Amino acid sequence: MKSTVHYANQRGHANHGWLNSYHSFSFANYYNPERMHFGVLRVLNDDQVAAGRGFDTHPHNNMEIISIPLYGDLKHQDSEGNAEVIKQGDVQVMSAGTGIYHSEYNANIDKEVRFLQIWIFPKVKNVAPRYQQLHFKAEDRKNTFQQILSPNAEDEGLWIHQDAWMFLSDLDAGHALNYDLKEHKRNGVYLFVLEGEIQCNEHLLGKRDAIAIADIERLELKSLQKSEILLMEIPMQ
């Protein structure tokens, strides 16, 4: 087993006034040669956008982009004609493929929006751009793993062009939970603690801490207090 802890206070940080962003991996003006990516996981940004502000129209290509609102409402519009508001409890996927333009704005003028922006390298390039959005019930992840993403369009949750899975879980204090990798010979796990405190093997992780683990078949977790986590199983190459 190979593991590296990414503590919350070690992330890159950029505060533009309207945007307060923390970067788990090198992004924009934050460059760390030891934090370029983890397998095919290229970006994990923890963004806070001020009321009424947002990202103007900009391009993407050949990337699987996942947005997870944590608080507030995020307004999305793209060159494929999609115009949606993504709320807390929703998850959005955008396959950029051959190229797409989109904008993201805080849909409210009286409160900020907080969301995770995740980029994953696809296993096939130049696919047709696509958009998908689903709502997930919080009660369905109580002390268990709620699958929100997979490689299979017929499976539970959203899907992307990559052999990756994502799960959310809300854990009571003292609850233990194990995760068996689906493709342990080629995949690793990136665990991100949204809230609370988690014991992961011999490591203690607090709010916004993360751990990247390769060469493992089973992950053993215990919540030391009421906690929320995001678990990603992703190919290492």
Protein backbone atom coordinates (compact mmCIF):
# COMPACT_ATOMS: atom_id res chain seq x y z
CA MET A 1 0.00 0.00 0.00
CA LYS A 2 1.22 3.47 -0.90
CA SER A 3 -0.46 6.44 0.72
CA THR A 4 0.00 10.20 0.86
CA VAL A 5 -1.98 12.52 3.10
CA HIS A 6 -3.00 15.90 1.66
CA TYR A 7 -3.81 18.09 4.63
CA ALA A 8 -6.27 20.93 4.15
CA ASN A 9 -3.73 23.62 5.04
CA GLN A 10 -1.28 22.28 2.42
CA ARG A 11 -3.58 22.98 -0.51
CA GLY A 12 -3.03 25.77 -2.98
CA HIS A 13 -5.10 28.87 -2.30
CA ALA A 14 -6.32 31.76 -4.41
CA ASN A 15 -8.62 34.52 -3.19
CA HIS A 16 -9.85 36.81 -5.95
CA GLY A 17 -12.49 38.50 -3.80
CA TRP A 18 -15.45 37.07 -5.70
CA LEU A 19 -13.78 33.62 -5.77
CA ASN A 20 -12.10 31.91 -2.82
CA SER A 21 -10.61 28.64 -4.06
CA TYR A 22 -8.52 25.85 -2.57
CA HIS A 23 -6.64 23.54 -4.94
CA SER A 24 -5.75 19.95 -4.06
CA PHE A 25 -3.62 19.76 -7.22
CA SER A 26 -1.64 22.26 -9.30
CA PHE A 27 -4.05 24.71 -10.90
CA ALA A 28 -3.80 28.20 -12.42
CA ASN A 29 -1.13 30.10 -10.45
CA TYR A 30 -0.64 27.28 -7.93
CA TYR A 31 2.13 24.95 -9.06
CA ASN A 32 3.46 22.05 -7.03
CA PRO A 33 5.40 19.40 -8.97
CA GLU A 34 4.45 16.83 -6.32
CA ARG A 35 0.75 17.66 -6.68
CA MET A 36 0.11 17.51 -10.43
CA HIS A 37 -2.51 14.77 -10.30
CA PHE A 38 -3.35 11.43 -8.70
CA GLY A 39 -3.82 8.88 -11.44
CA VAL A 40 -6.43 10.30 -13.80
CA LEU A 41 -7.70 12.73 -11.14
CA ARG A 42 -6.37 16.06 -12.39
CA VAL A 43 -8.31 18.74 -10.44
CA LEU A 44 -10.14 18.94 -7.13
CA ASN A 45 -11.01 22.55 -6.39
CA ASP A 46 -12.96 23.60 -3.32
CA ASP A 47 -14.63 26.81 -4.53
CA GLN A 48 -16.60 29.56 -2.82
CA VAL A 49 -18.23 32.07 -5.19
CA ALA A 50 -19.68 35.35 -3.96
CA ALA A 51 -23.35 36.24 -4.44
CA GLY A 52 -24.19 37.05 -8.04
CA ARG A 53 -20.66 36.37 -9.31
CA GLY A 54 -19.15 33.53 -11.30
CA PHE A 55 -17.03 32.18 -14.13
CA ASP A 56 -17.61 33.81 -17.50
CA THR A 57 -17.93 31.65 -20.62
CA HIS A 58 -14.74 29.64 -21.19
CA PRO A 59 -13.71 26.51 -23.13
CA HIS A 60 -12.87 22.93 -22.17
CA ASN A 61 -11.96 19.86 -24.18
CA ASN A 62 -11.13 16.21 -23.53
CA MET A 63 -11.91 16.30 -19.84
CA GLU A 64 -14.64 14.79 -17.64
CA ILE A 65 -15.82 17.57 -15.32
CA ILE A 66 -17.90 16.90 -12.22
CA SER A 67 -19.49 19.63 -10.06
CA ILE A 68 -20.88 18.94 -6.58
CA PRO A 69 -22.64 21.87 -4.83
CA LEU A 70 -22.13 21.85 -1.06
CA TYR A 71 -24.14 24.99 -0.29
CA GLY A 72 -26.24 27.30 -2.41
CA ASP A 73 -27.16 27.17 -6.10
CA LEU A 74 -24.92 27.15 -9.15
CA LYS A 75 -26.21 28.31 -12.54
CA HIS A 76 -24.77 26.48 -15.56
CA GLN A 77 -25.05 27.37 -19.23
CA ASP A 78 -23.14 25.86 -22.15
CA SER A 79 -22.71 25.90 -25.92
CA GLU A 80 -24.75 22.70 -26.27
CA GLY A 81 -27.87 24.56 -25.17
CA ASN A 82 -27.97 23.33 -21.58
CA ALA A 83 -29.09 25.87 -18.98
CA GLU A 84 -29.60 24.48 -15.48
CA VAL A 85 -29.37 25.41 -11.82
CA ILE A 86 -27.42 22.88 -9.76
CA LYS A 87 -28.51 22.79 -6.13
CA GLN A 88 -27.18 21.20 -2.97
CA GLY A 89 -27.82 17.46 -3.34
CA ASP A 90 -27.35 17.59 -7.12
CA VAL A 91 -24.30 16.35 -9.00
CA GLN A 92 -23.42 17.47 -12.53
CA VAL A 93 -21.25 15.82 -15.16
CA MET A 94 -19.98 17.47 -18.32
CA SER A 95 -17.96 15.50 -20.87
CA ALA A 96 -16.02 18.20 -22.71
CA GLY A 97 -14.82 15.88 -25.48
CA THR A 98 -14.28 17.64 -28.82
CA GLY A 99 -14.89 21.00 -27.16
CA ILE A 100 -17.51 22.89 -25.23
CA TYR A 101 -17.97 26.40 -23.83
CA HIS A 102 -19.74 27.00 -20.54
CA SER A 103 -20.27 29.50 -17.75
CA GLU A 104 -20.96 28.97 -14.04
CA TYR A 105 -22.53 31.62 -11.83
CA ASN A 106 -23.87 31.88 -8.33
CA ALA A 107 -27.62 31.80 -8.95
CA ASN A 108 -28.33 33.86 -5.81
CA ILE A 109 -27.70 37.53 -5.06
CA ASP A 110 -27.90 37.18 -1.28
CA LYS A 111 -25.60 34.26 -0.41
CA GLU A 112 -22.46 32.52 -1.61
CA VAL A 113 -22.30 29.16 -3.34
CA ARG A 114 -19.77 26.49 -2.39
CA PHE A 115 -19.01 23.60 -4.67
CA LEU A 116 -16.39 21.02 -5.60
CA GLN A 117 -15.02 21.16 -9.13
CA ILE A 118 -13.43 17.86 -10.18
CA TRP A 119 -11.61 17.12 -13.45
CA ILE A 120 -10.80 13.59 -14.61
CA PHE A 121 -8.82 12.63 -17.71
CA PRO A 122 -11.05 10.54 -20.03
CA LYS A 123 -10.06 7.11 -21.34
CA VAL A 124 -11.19 8.10 -24.85
CA LYS A 125 -10.65 11.46 -26.50
CA ASN A 126 -12.75 13.58 -28.83
CA VAL A 127 -16.14 12.20 -27.81
CA ALA A 128 -19.27 14.24 -28.44
CA PRO A 129 -19.82 16.75 -25.62
CA ARG A 130 -22.55 15.72 -23.18
CA TYR A 131 -24.25 16.99 -20.03
CA GLN A 132 -25.96 15.09 -17.22
CA GLN A 133 -27.36 16.10 -13.84
CA LEU A 134 -29.04 14.10 -11.06
CA HIS A 135 -30.31 14.70 -7.54
CA PHE A 136 -29.22 12.34 -4.74
CA LYS A 137 -31.14 11.92 -1.48
CA ALA A 138 -29.08 12.53 1.65
CA GLU A 139 -30.83 9.70 3.52
CA ASP A 140 -29.52 7.19 0.97
CA ARG A 141 -25.91 7.75 2.09
CA LYS A 142 -26.49 7.46 5.84
CA ASN A 143 -23.72 5.17 7.18
CA THR A 144 -23.23 3.66 3.74
CA PHE A 145 -21.70 4.47 0.37
CA GLN A 146 -24.03 6.20 -2.07
CA GLN A 147 -22.76 5.75 -5.60
CA ILE A 148 -23.01 8.99 -7.54
CA LEU A 149 -20.84 8.13 -10.55
CA SER A 150 -19.53 5.13 -12.49
CA PRO A 151 -18.28 4.15 -15.97
CA ASN A 152 -21.61 2.56 -16.88
CA ALA A 153 -24.60 4.53 -18.14
CA GLU A 154 -26.92 1.77 -16.91
CA ASP A 155 -25.46 1.75 -13.39
CA GLU A 156 -26.57 3.82 -10.42
CA GLY A 157 -25.93 7.55 -10.65
CA LEU A 158 -24.11 9.51 -13.34
CA TRP A 159 -21.50 8.14 -15.74
CA ILE A 160 -18.29 9.36 -17.38
CA HIS A 161 -15.84 8.20 -20.05
CA GLN A 162 -13.46 6.67 -17.51
CA ASP A 163 -13.27 3.56 -15.31
CA ALA A 164 -13.91 5.58 -12.17
CA TRP A 165 -16.45 5.48 -9.36
CA MET A 166 -17.49 8.15 -6.86
CA PHE A 167 -19.37 7.81 -3.60
CA LEU A 168 -20.73 10.10 -0.90
CA SER A 169 -21.27 8.98 2.68
CA ASP A 170 -22.63 10.61 5.86
CA LEU A 171 -21.34 8.77 8.91
CA ASP A 172 -22.44 8.84 12.51
CA ALA A 173 -19.77 9.13 15.20
CA GLY A 174 -18.19 5.73 15.86
CA HIS A 175 -19.47 4.13 12.66
CA ALA A 176 -17.01 1.92 10.74
CA LEU A 177 -17.23 1.32 7.01
CA ASN A 178 -15.09 -0.65 4.56
CA TYR A 179 -14.67 -0.07 0.85
CA ASP A 180 -13.55 -2.88 -1.46
CA LEU A 181 -12.06 -1.60 -4.69
CA LYS A 182 -13.78 -2.69 -7.87
CA GLU A 183 -10.57 -2.68 -9.92
CA HIS A 184 -7.85 -2.94 -7.28
CA LYS A 185 -5.13 -4.08 -9.70
CA ARG A 186 -5.23 -0.82 -11.67
CA ASN A 187 -7.13 1.69 -9.49
CA GLY A 188 -6.39 3.73 -6.42
CA VAL A 189 -8.56 5.68 -3.97
CA TYR A 190 -8.72 9.37 -3.19
CA LEU A 191 -10.68 10.05 0.02
CA PHE A 192 -11.72 13.64 0.74
CA VAL A 193 -13.22 14.56 4.12
CA LEU A 194 -15.95 17.16 3.67
CA GLU A 195 -16.84 17.43 7.36
CA GLY A 196 -15.87 15.74 10.59
CA GLU A 197 -12.99 13.44 11.48
CA ILE A 198 -12.10 10.08 9.93
CA GLN A 199 -9.67 7.33 10.90
CA CYS A 200 -8.37 5.82 7.65
CA ASN A 201 -6.03 2.93 8.34
CA GLU A 202 -3.37 4.57 10.58
CA HIS A 203 -4.12 8.11 9.45
CA LEU A 204 -6.33 10.68 11.18
CA LEU A 205 -8.08 13.02 8.75
CA GLY A 206 -9.98 16.18 9.60
CA LYS A 207 -12.23 18.54 7.64
CA ARG A 208 -10.98 19.04 4.05
CA ASP A 209 -8.05 16.66 4.59
CA ALA A 210 -7.57 13.96 1.97
CA ILE A 211 -5.59 10.78 1.44
CA ALA A 212 -4.37 9.28 -1.84
CA ILE A 213 -3.88 5.51 -1.71
CA ALA A 214 -2.57 3.08 -4.33
CA ASP A 215 -1.87 -0.66 -4.25
CA ILE A 216 -4.78 -1.49 -1.96
CA GLU A 217 -7.75 -3.86 -2.15
CA ARG A 218 -9.79 -2.67 0.84
CA LEU A 219 -10.08 0.66 2.61
CA GLU A 220 -11.06 0.62 6.29
CA LEU A 221 -12.70 3.74 7.69
CA LYS A 222 -14.04 4.82 11.06
CA SER A 223 -15.82 8.07 11.80
CA LEU A 224 -14.60 9.61 15.06
CA GLN A 225 -17.37 12.21 14.94
CA LYS A 226 -20.30 12.91 12.67
CA SER A 227 -18.65 13.12 9.25
CA GLU A 228 -19.23 13.52 5.52
CA ILE A 229 -16.86 12.06 2.94
CA LEU A 230 -16.30 11.84 -0.80
CA LEU A 231 -14.57 8.68 -2.01
CA MET A 232 -13.19 8.34 -5.53
CA GLU A 233 -11.86 5.13 -7.04
CA ILE A 234 -9.82 6.05 -10.08
CA PRO A 235 -7.37 4.46 -12.54
CA MET A 236 -3.75 5.17 -11.74
CA GLN A 237 -2.89 5.65 -15.41
